[in-house]
Amino acid sequence: MAKCRTYRDPAVVADGDIPLSEADELETHPAILAAINAIASDRRPARVIWRAPTGPECDSIVMAVEEYIYIGDFKPTSNNIYQWGAGEIRL
């Protein structure tokens, strides 16, 4: 059975996205950046979300990262911890 996406494919790049190539510079796992890009909008651009996410945005980012790992877009980390700047997300 095919796996269905809820969140935008991380390979799709839109205006205002944070390039995944900036992951090391931002000390953020690429899956987190892809998830942030997927939920960003004109009202809440990706860089604004990266710096100061709301609670519901954090929930959506966690769900997107889980989906990306399930679908195989990103490999899971050995400890299920995904760095986000000075913080982290634990799955």
PDB file of N, CA and C in Angstrom:
ATOM      1  N   MET A   1       0.846  -1.177   0.000  1.00  0.00           N
ATOM      2  CA  MET A   1       0.000   0.000   0.000  1.00  0.00           C
ATOM      3  C   MET A   1       0.894   1.245   0.000  1.00  0.00           C
ATOM      4  N   ALA A   2       0.530   2.204  -0.812  1.00  0.00           N
ATOM      5  CA  ALA A   2       1.312   3.443  -0.924  1.00  0.00           C
ATOM      6  C   ALA A   2       1.163   4.282   0.344  1.00  0.00           C
ATOM      7  N   LYS A   3       2.246   4.932   0.695  1.00  0.00           N
ATOM      8  CA  LYS A   3       2.235   5.815   1.859  1.00  0.00           C
ATOM      9  C   LYS A   3       1.758   7.190   1.409  1.00  0.00           C
ATOM     10  N   CYS A   4       0.795   7.738   2.108  1.00  0.00           N
ATOM     11  CA  CYS A   4       0.224   9.035   1.745  1.00  0.00           C
ATOM     12  C   CYS A   4       0.874  10.147   2.557  1.00  0.00           C
ATOM     13  N   ARG A   5       1.009  11.282   1.917  1.00  0.00           N
ATOM     14  CA  ARG A   5       1.592  12.457   2.575  1.00  0.00           C
ATOM     15  C   ARG A   5       0.506  13.381   3.113  1.00  0.00           C
ATOM     16  N   THR A   6       0.770  13.899   4.282  1.00  0.00           N
ATOM     17  CA  THR A   6      -0.032  14.981   4.840  1.00  0.00           C
ATOM     18  C   THR A   6       0.723  16.296   4.660  1.00  0.00           C
ATOM     19  N   TYR A   7       2.043  16.230   4.776  1.00  0.00           N
ATOM     20  CA  TYR A   7       2.893  17.414   4.697  1.00  0.00           C
ATOM     21  C   TYR A   7       3.622  17.437   3.362  1.00  0.00           C
ATOM     22  N   ARG A   8       4.004  18.623   2.942  1.00  0.00           N
ATOM     23  CA  ARG A   8       4.667  18.824   1.661  1.00  0.00           C
ATOM     24  C   ARG A   8       5.948  18.003   1.579  1.00  0.00           C
ATOM     25  N   ASP A   9       6.181  17.440   0.418  1.00  0.00           N
ATOM     26  CA  ASP A   9       7.395  16.681   0.137  1.00  0.00           C
ATOM     27  C   ASP A   9       8.597  17.596   0.366  1.00  0.00           C
ATOM     28  N   PRO A  10       9.581  17.163   1.145  1.00  0.00           N
ATOM     29  CA  PRO A  10      10.733  18.018   1.420  1.00  0.00           C
ATOM     30  C   PRO A  10      11.549  18.359   0.179  1.00  0.00           C
ATOM     31  N   ALA A  11      11.369  17.614  -0.901  1.00  0.00           N
ATOM     32  CA  ALA A  11      12.086  17.914  -2.136  1.00  0.00           C
ATOM     33  C   ALA A  11      11.496  19.126  -2.858  1.00  0.00           C
ATOM     34  N   VAL A  12      10.277  19.504  -2.510  1.00  0.00           N
ATOM     35  CA  VAL A  12       9.626  20.659  -3.125  1.00  0.00           C
ATOM     36  C   VAL A  12      10.119  21.916  -2.416  1.00  0.00           C
ATOM     37  N   VAL A  13      10.631  22.849  -3.197  1.00  0.00           N
ATOM     38  CA  VAL A  13      11.174  24.090  -2.641  1.00  0.00           C
ATOM     39  C   VAL A  13      10.274  25.248  -3.049  1.00  0.00           C
ATOM     40  N   ALA A  14       9.923  26.086  -2.089  1.00  0.00           N
ATOM     41  CA  ALA A  14       9.063  27.242  -2.348  1.00  0.00           C
ATOM     42  C   ALA A  14       9.789  28.517  -1.934  1.00  0.00           C
ATOM     43  N   ASP A  15       9.312  29.636  -2.437  1.00  0.00           N
ATOM     44  CA  ASP A  15       9.869  30.926  -2.027  1.00  0.00           C
ATOM     45  C   ASP A  15       9.751  31.070  -0.517  1.00  0.00           C
ATOM     46  N   GLY A  16      10.793  31.569   0.105  1.00  0.00           N
ATOM     47  CA  GLY A  16      10.770  31.783   1.548  1.00  0.00           C
ATOM     48  C   GLY A  16      11.207  30.592   2.369  1.00  0.00           C
ATOM     49  N   ASP A  17      11.441  29.451   1.723  1.00  0.00           N
ATOM     50  CA  ASP A  17      11.911  28.276   2.462  1.00  0.00           C
ATOM     51  C   ASP A  17      13.324  28.503   2.993  1.00  0.00           C
ATOM     52  N   ILE A  18      13.631  27.830   4.091  1.00  0.00           N
ATOM     53  CA  ILE A  18      15.001  27.789   4.583  1.00  0.00           C
ATOM     54  C   ILE A  18      15.676  26.639   3.839  1.00  0.00           C
ATOM     55  N   PRO A  19      16.721  26.909   3.060  1.00  0.00           N
ATOM     56  CA  PRO A  19      17.383  25.816   2.339  1.00  0.00           C
ATOM     57  C   PRO A  19      17.904  24.748   3.306  1.00  0.00           C
ATOM     58  N   LEU A  20      17.690  23.487   2.961  1.00  0.00           N
ATOM     59  CA  LEU A  20      18.174  22.408   3.813  1.00  0.00           C
ATOM     60  C   LEU A  20      19.694  22.437   3.909  1.00  0.00           C
ATOM     61  N   SER A  21      20.342  23.071   2.947  1.00  0.00           N
ATOM     62  CA  SER A  21      21.801  23.192   2.982  1.00  0.00           C
ATOM     63  C   SER A  21      22.279  24.078   4.138  1.00  0.00           C
ATOM     64  N   GLU A  22      21.373  24.824   4.768  1.00  0.00           N
ATOM     65  CA  GLU A  22      21.726  25.661   5.917  1.00  0.00           C
ATOM     66  C   GLU A  22      21.601  24.925   7.250  1.00  0.00           C
ATOM     67  N   ALA A  23      21.289  23.640   7.204  1.00  0.00           N
ATOM     68  CA  ALA A  23      21.065  22.865   8.433  1.00  0.00           C
ATOM     69  C   ALA A  23      22.255  22.935   9.385  1.00  0.00           C
ATOM     70  N   ASP A  24      23.456  22.742   8.875  1.00  0.00           N
ATOM     71  CA  ASP A  24      24.640  22.775   9.747  1.00  0.00           C
ATOM     72  C   ASP A  24      24.831  24.165  10.353  1.00  0.00           C
ATOM     73  N   GLU A  25      24.705  25.190   9.521  1.00  0.00           N
ATOM     74  CA  GLU A  25      24.883  26.562  10.001  1.00  0.00           C
ATOM     75  C   GLU A  25      23.870  26.913  11.089  1.00  0.00           C
ATOM     76  N   LEU A  26      22.627  26.436  10.926  1.00  0.00           N
ATOM     77  CA  LEU A  26      21.569  26.718  11.899  1.00  0.00           C
ATOM     78  C   LEU A  26      21.549  25.705  13.044  1.00  0.00           C
ATOM     79  N   GLU A  27      22.446  24.719  12.986  1.00  0.00           N
ATOM     80  CA  GLU A  27      22.480  23.644  13.989  1.00  0.00           C
ATOM     81  C   GLU A  27      21.104  23.008  14.162  1.00  0.00           C
ATOM     82  N   THR A  28      20.499  22.703  13.014  1.00  0.00           N
ATOM     83  CA  THR A  28      19.158  22.148  12.996  1.00  0.00           C
ATOM     84  C   THR A  28      19.123  20.959  12.046  1.00  0.00           C
ATOM     85  N   HIS A  29      18.506  19.872  12.489  1.00  0.00           N
ATOM     86  CA  HIS A  29      18.393  18.679  11.648  1.00  0.00           C
ATOM     87  C   HIS A  29      17.616  19.039  10.382  1.00  0.00           C
ATOM     88  N   PRO A  30      18.035  18.542   9.217  1.00  0.00           N
ATOM     89  CA  PRO A  30      17.331  18.862   7.971  1.00  0.00           C
ATOM     90  C   PRO A  30      15.841  18.501   7.984  1.00  0.00           C
ATOM     91  N   ALA A  31      15.469  17.444   8.685  1.00  0.00           N
ATOM     92  CA  ALA A  31      14.046  17.084   8.764  1.00  0.00           C
ATOM     93  C   ALA A  31      13.241  18.171   9.474  1.00  0.00           C
ATOM     94  N   ILE A  32      13.842  18.813  10.471  1.00  0.00           N
ATOM     95  CA  ILE A  32      13.168  19.915  11.166  1.00  0.00           C
ATOM     96  C   ILE A  32      12.982  21.084  10.204  1.00  0.00           C
ATOM     97  N   LEU A  33      14.029  21.409   9.451  1.00  0.00           N
ATOM     98  CA  LEU A  33      13.906  22.507   8.486  1.00  0.00           C
ATOM     99  C   LEU A  33      12.846  22.195   7.443  1.00  0.00           C
ATOM    100  N   ALA A  34      12.812  20.964   6.948  1.00  0.00           N
ATOM    101  CA  ALA A  34      11.805  20.579   5.959  1.00  0.00           C
ATOM    102  C   ALA A  34      10.398  20.709   6.545  1.00  0.00           C
ATOM    103  N   ALA A  35      10.239  20.305   7.800  1.00  0.00           N
ATOM    104  CA  ALA A  35       8.932  20.402   8.451  1.00  0.00           C
ATOM    105  C   ALA A  35       8.523  21.865   8.644  1.00  0.00           C
ATOM    106  N   ILE A  36       9.475  22.692   9.043  1.00  0.00           N
ATOM    107  CA  ILE A  36       9.187  24.122   9.204  1.00  0.00           C
ATOM    108  C   ILE A  36       8.773  24.709   7.860  1.00  0.00           C
ATOM    109  N   ASN A  37       9.511  24.381   6.808  1.00  0.00           N
ATOM    110  CA  ASN A  37       9.157  24.874   5.481  1.00  0.00           C
ATOM    111  C   ASN A  37       7.762  24.427   5.076  1.00  0.00           C
ATOM    112  N   ALA A  38       7.406  23.198   5.440  1.00  0.00           N
ATOM    113  CA  ALA A  38       6.107  22.645   5.046  1.00  0.00           C
ATOM    114  C   ALA A  38       4.934  23.373   5.694  1.00  0.00           C
ATOM    115  N   ILE A  39       5.128  23.901   6.899  1.00  0.00           N
ATOM    116  CA  ILE A  39       4.001  24.557   7.576  1.00  0.00           C
ATOM    117  C   ILE A  39       4.048  26.076   7.476  1.00  0.00           C
ATOM    118  N   ALA A  40       5.128  26.606   6.911  1.00  0.00           N
ATOM    119  CA  ALA A  40       5.276  28.061   6.814  1.00  0.00           C
ATOM    120  C   ALA A  40       4.236  28.647   5.854  1.00  0.00           C
ATOM    121  N   SER A  41       3.976  29.930   6.054  1.00  0.00           N
ATOM    122  CA  SER A  41       3.011  30.642   5.213  1.00  0.00           C
ATOM    123  C   SER A  41       3.484  32.086   5.050  1.00  0.00           C
ATOM    124  N   ASP A  42       2.749  32.855   4.268  1.00  0.00           N
ATOM    125  CA  ASP A  42       3.084  34.276   4.130  1.00  0.00           C
ATOM    126  C   ASP A  42       2.981  34.979   5.480  1.00  0.00           C
ATOM    127  N   ARG A  43       1.992  34.584   6.268  1.00  0.00           N
ATOM    128  CA  ARG A  43       1.784  35.209   7.576  1.00  0.00           C
ATOM    129  C   ARG A  43       2.842  34.792   8.590  1.00  0.00           C
ATOM    130  N   ARG A  44       3.292  33.544   8.506  1.00  0.00           N
ATOM    131  CA  ARG A  44       4.314  33.006   9.418  1.00  0.00           C
ATOM    132  C   ARG A  44       5.411  32.354   8.580  1.00  0.00           C
ATOM    133  N   PRO A  45       6.366  33.170   8.083  1.00  0.00           N
ATOM    134  CA  PRO A  45       7.448  32.625   7.264  1.00  0.00           C
ATOM    135  C   PRO A  45       8.319  31.627   8.029  1.00  0.00           C
ATOM    136  N   ALA A  46       9.030  30.814   7.263  1.00  0.00           N
ATOM    137  CA  ALA A  46       9.839  29.745   7.845  1.00  0.00           C
ATOM    138  C   ALA A  46      10.848  30.259   8.874  1.00  0.00           C
ATOM    139  N   ARG A  47      11.534  31.339   8.568  1.00  0.00           N
ATOM    140  CA  ARG A  47      12.552  31.836   9.516  1.00  0.00           C
ATOM    141  C   ARG A  47      11.926  32.361  10.804  1.00  0.00           C
ATOM    142  N   VAL A  48      10.726  32.883  10.730  1.00  0.00           N
ATOM    143  CA  VAL A  48      10.019  33.330  11.944  1.00  0.00           C
ATOM    144  C   VAL A  48       9.654  32.109  12.785  1.00  0.00           C
ATOM    145  N   ILE A  49       9.157  31.072  12.139  1.00  0.00           N
ATOM    146  CA  ILE A  49       8.804  29.843  12.864  1.00  0.00           C
ATOM    147  C   ILE A  49      10.053  29.224  13.477  1.00  0.00           C
ATOM    148  N   TRP A  50      11.165  29.197  12.719  1.00  0.00           N
ATOM    149  CA  TRP A  50      12.397  28.609  13.242  1.00  0.00           C
ATOM    150  C   TRP A  50      12.832  29.316  14.530  1.00  0.00           C
ATOM    151  N   ARG A  51      12.709  30.650  14.556  1.00  0.00           N
ATOM    152  CA  ARG A  51      13.156  31.419  15.730  1.00  0.00           C
ATOM    153  C   ARG A  51      12.173  31.357  16.895  1.00  0.00           C
ATOM    154  N   ALA A  52      10.872  31.400  16.601  1.00  0.00           N
ATOM    155  CA  ALA A  52       9.874  31.508  17.675  1.00  0.00           C
ATOM    156  C   ALA A  52       8.583  30.793  17.278  1.00  0.00           C
ATOM    157  N   PRO A  53       8.575  29.464  17.336  1.00  0.00           N
ATOM    158  CA  PRO A  53       7.370  28.724  16.959  1.00  0.00           C
ATOM    159  C   PRO A  53       6.285  28.809  18.026  1.00  0.00           C
ATOM    160  N   THR A  54       5.049  28.757  17.582  1.00  0.00           N
ATOM    161  CA  THR A  54       3.929  28.667  18.521  1.00  0.00           C
ATOM    162  C   THR A  54       3.781  27.197  18.938  1.00  0.00           C
ATOM    163  N   GLY A  55       3.003  26.946  19.962  1.00  0.00           N
ATOM    164  CA  GLY A  55       2.746  25.568  20.400  1.00  0.00           C
ATOM    165  C   GLY A  55       2.153  24.710  19.292  1.00  0.00           C
ATOM    166  N   PRO A  56       1.094  25.194  18.625  1.00  0.00           N
ATOM    167  CA  PRO A  56       0.530  24.394  17.525  1.00  0.00           C
ATOM    168  C   PRO A  56       1.517  24.169  16.378  1.00  0.00           C
ATOM    169  N   GLU A  57       2.385  25.151  16.122  1.00  0.00           N
ATOM    170  CA  GLU A  57       3.397  24.953  15.086  1.00  0.00           C
ATOM    171  C   GLU A  57       4.369  23.857  15.495  1.00  0.00           C
ATOM    172  N   CYS A  58       4.779  23.834  16.752  1.00  0.00           N
ATOM    173  CA  CYS A  58       5.674  22.770  17.241  1.00  0.00           C
ATOM    174  C   CYS A  58       5.017  21.404  17.072  1.00  0.00           C
ATOM    175  N   ASP A  59       3.731  21.316  17.399  1.00  0.00           N
ATOM    176  CA  ASP A  59       3.014  20.048  17.233  1.00  0.00           C
ATOM    177  C   ASP A  59       3.028  19.605  15.774  1.00  0.00           C
ATOM    178  N   SER A  60       2.773  20.536  14.866  1.00  0.00           N
ATOM    179  CA  SER A  60       2.766  20.210  13.436  1.00  0.00           C
ATOM    180  C   SER A  60       4.150  19.805  12.948  1.00  0.00           C
ATOM    181  N   ILE A  61       5.170  20.457  13.450  1.00  0.00           N
ATOM    182  CA  ILE A  61       6.543  20.120  13.063  1.00  0.00           C
ATOM    183  C   ILE A  61       6.884  18.703  13.508  1.00  0.00           C
ATOM    184  N   VAL A  62       6.524  18.347  14.725  1.00  0.00           N
ATOM    185  CA  VAL A  62       6.762  16.982  15.215  1.00  0.00           C
ATOM    186  C   VAL A  62       6.046  15.976  14.318  1.00  0.00           C
ATOM    187  N   MET A  63       4.789  16.246  13.994  1.00  0.00           N
ATOM    188  CA  MET A  63       4.034  15.319  13.146  1.00  0.00           C
ATOM    189  C   MET A  63       4.648  15.215  11.754  1.00  0.00           C
ATOM    190  N   ALA A  64       5.127  16.331  11.207  1.00  0.00           N
ATOM    191  CA  ALA A  64       5.756  16.302   9.887  1.00  0.00           C
ATOM    192  C   ALA A  64       7.053  15.496   9.915  1.00  0.00           C
ATOM    193  N   VAL A  65       7.860  15.692  10.942  1.00  0.00           N
ATOM    194  CA  VAL A  65       9.116  14.933  11.058  1.00  0.00           C
ATOM    195  C   VAL A  65       8.810  13.436  11.168  1.00  0.00           C
ATOM    196  N   GLU A  66       7.819  13.081  11.964  1.00  0.00           N
ATOM    197  CA  GLU A  66       7.433  11.667  12.077  1.00  0.00           C
ATOM    198  C   GLU A  66       7.030  11.111  10.716  1.00  0.00           C
ATOM    199  N   GLU A  67       6.264  11.889   9.953  1.00  0.00           N
ATOM    200  CA  GLU A  67       5.852  11.450   8.622  1.00  0.00           C
ATOM    201  C   GLU A  67       7.057  11.298   7.696  1.00  0.00           C
ATOM    202  N   TYR A  68       7.971  12.259   7.709  1.00  0.00           N
ATOM    203  CA  TYR A  68       9.147  12.198   6.838  1.00  0.00           C
ATOM    204  C   TYR A  68       9.979  10.960   7.139  1.00  0.00           C
ATOM    205  N   ILE A  69      10.088  10.606   8.394  1.00  0.00           N
ATOM    206  CA  ILE A  69      10.851   9.415   8.774  1.00  0.00           C
ATOM    207  C   ILE A  69      10.105   8.159   8.342  1.00  0.00           C
ATOM    208  N   TYR A  70       8.797   8.130   8.570  1.00  0.00           N
ATOM    209  CA  TYR A  70       7.976   6.977   8.190  1.00  0.00           C
ATOM    210  C   TYR A  70       8.038   6.737   6.684  1.00  0.00           C
ATOM    211  N   ILE A  71       7.950   7.810   5.916  1.00  0.00           N
ATOM    212  CA  ILE A  71       7.965   7.682   4.453  1.00  0.00           C
ATOM    213  C   ILE A  71       9.365   7.370   3.943  1.00  0.00           C
ATOM    214  N   GLY A  72      10.384   7.757   4.697  1.00  0.00           N
ATOM    215  CA  GLY A  72      11.753   7.474   4.307  1.00  0.00           C
ATOM    216  C   GLY A  72      12.481   8.664   3.691  1.00  0.00           C
ATOM    217  N   ASP A  73      11.915   9.861   3.842  1.00  0.00           N
ATOM    218  CA  ASP A  73      12.584  11.060   3.340  1.00  0.00           C
ATOM    219  C   ASP A  73      13.873  11.329   4.113  1.00  0.00           C
ATOM    220  N   PHE A  74      13.864  11.013   5.404  1.00  0.00           N
ATOM    221  CA  PHE A  74      15.026  11.189   6.274  1.00  0.00           C
ATOM    222  C   PHE A  74      15.179   9.930   7.108  1.00  0.00           C
ATOM    223  N   LYS A  75      16.420   9.594   7.427  1.00  0.00           N
ATOM    224  CA  LYS A  75      16.680   8.449   8.301  1.00  0.00           C
ATOM    225  C   LYS A  75      16.494   8.889   9.752  1.00  0.00           C
ATOM    226  N   PRO A  76      15.973   8.007  10.583  1.00  0.00           N
ATOM    227  CA  PRO A  76      15.854   8.361  12.001  1.00  0.00           C
ATOM    228  C   PRO A  76      17.233   8.472  12.648  1.00  0.00           C
ATOM    229  N   THR A  77      17.343   9.330  13.641  1.00  0.00           N
ATOM    230  CA  THR A  77      18.582   9.404  14.407  1.00  0.00           C
ATOM    231  C   THR A  77      18.620   8.200  15.344  1.00  0.00           C
ATOM    232  N   SER A  78      19.794   7.860  15.807  1.00  0.00           N
ATOM    233  CA  SER A  78      19.939   6.675  16.667  1.00  0.00           C
ATOM    234  C   SER A  78      19.229   6.848  18.006  1.00  0.00           C
ATOM    235  N   ASN A  79      19.081   8.081  18.457  1.00  0.00           N
ATOM    236  CA  ASN A  79      18.447   8.333  19.762  1.00  0.00           C
ATOM    237  C   ASN A  79      17.099   9.038  19.654  1.00  0.00           C
ATOM    238  N   ASN A  80      16.601   9.213  18.432  1.00  0.00           N
ATOM    239  CA  ASN A  80      15.320   9.891  18.170  1.00  0.00           C
ATOM    240  C   ASN A  80      15.291  11.325  18.684  1.00  0.00           C
ATOM    241  N   ILE A  81      16.453  11.976  18.725  1.00  0.00           N
ATOM    242  CA  ILE A  81      16.549  13.385  19.097  1.00  0.00           C
ATOM    243  C   ILE A  81      16.978  14.159  17.860  1.00  0.00           C
ATOM    244  N   TYR A  82      16.245  15.232  17.569  1.00  0.00           N
ATOM    245  CA  TYR A  82      16.488  16.037  16.379  1.00  0.00           C
ATOM    246  C   TYR A  82      16.791  17.461  16.823  1.00  0.00           C
ATOM    247  N   GLN A  83      18.016  17.897  16.534  1.00  0.00           N
ATOM    248  CA  GLN A  83      18.462  19.217  16.986  1.00  0.00           C
ATOM    249  C   GLN A  83      17.692  20.318  16.270  1.00  0.00           C
ATOM    250  N   TRP A  84      17.398  21.392  17.032  1.00  0.00           N
ATOM    251  CA  TRP A  84      16.733  22.580  16.499  1.00  0.00           C
ATOM    252  C   TRP A  84      17.417  23.776  17.162  1.00  0.00           C
ATOM    253  N   GLY A  85      18.474  24.264  16.540  1.00  0.00           N
ATOM    254  CA  GLY A  85      19.228  25.362  17.136  1.00  0.00           C
ATOM    255  C   GLY A  85      19.738  24.947  18.499  1.00  0.00           C
ATOM    256  N   ALA A  86      19.423  25.747  19.514  1.00  0.00           N
ATOM    257  CA  ALA A  86      19.846  25.437  20.883  1.00  0.00           C
ATOM    258  C   ALA A  86      18.946  24.404  21.535  1.00  0.00           C
ATOM    259  N   GLY A  87      17.823  24.082  20.902  1.00  0.00           N
ATOM    260  CA  GLY A  87      16.874  23.126  21.465  1.00  0.00           C
ATOM    261  C   GLY A  87      16.880  21.816  20.700  1.00  0.00           C
ATOM    262  N   GLU A  88      15.827  21.037  20.911  1.00  0.00           N
ATOM    263  CA  GLU A  88      15.714  19.753  20.259  1.00  0.00           C
ATOM    264  C   GLU A  88      14.270  19.287  20.281  1.00  0.00           C
ATOM    265  N   ILE A  89      13.997  18.339  19.403  1.00  0.00           N
ATOM    266  CA  ILE A  89      12.712  17.641  19.424  1.00  0.00           C
ATOM    267  C   ILE A  89      13.027  16.178  19.669  1.00  0.00           C
ATOM    268  N   ARG A  90      12.293  15.575  20.584  1.00  0.00           N
ATOM    269  CA  ARG A  90      12.468  14.153  20.881  1.00  0.00           C
ATOM    270  C   ARG A  90      11.216  13.417  20.394  1.00  0.00           C
ATOM    271  N   LEU A  91      11.442  12.372  19.625  1.00  0.00           N
ATOM    272  CA  LEU A  91      10.319  11.546  19.138  1.00  0.00           C
ATOM    273  C   LEU A  91      10.238  10.269  19.932  1.00  0.00           C
TER     274      LEU A  91
END
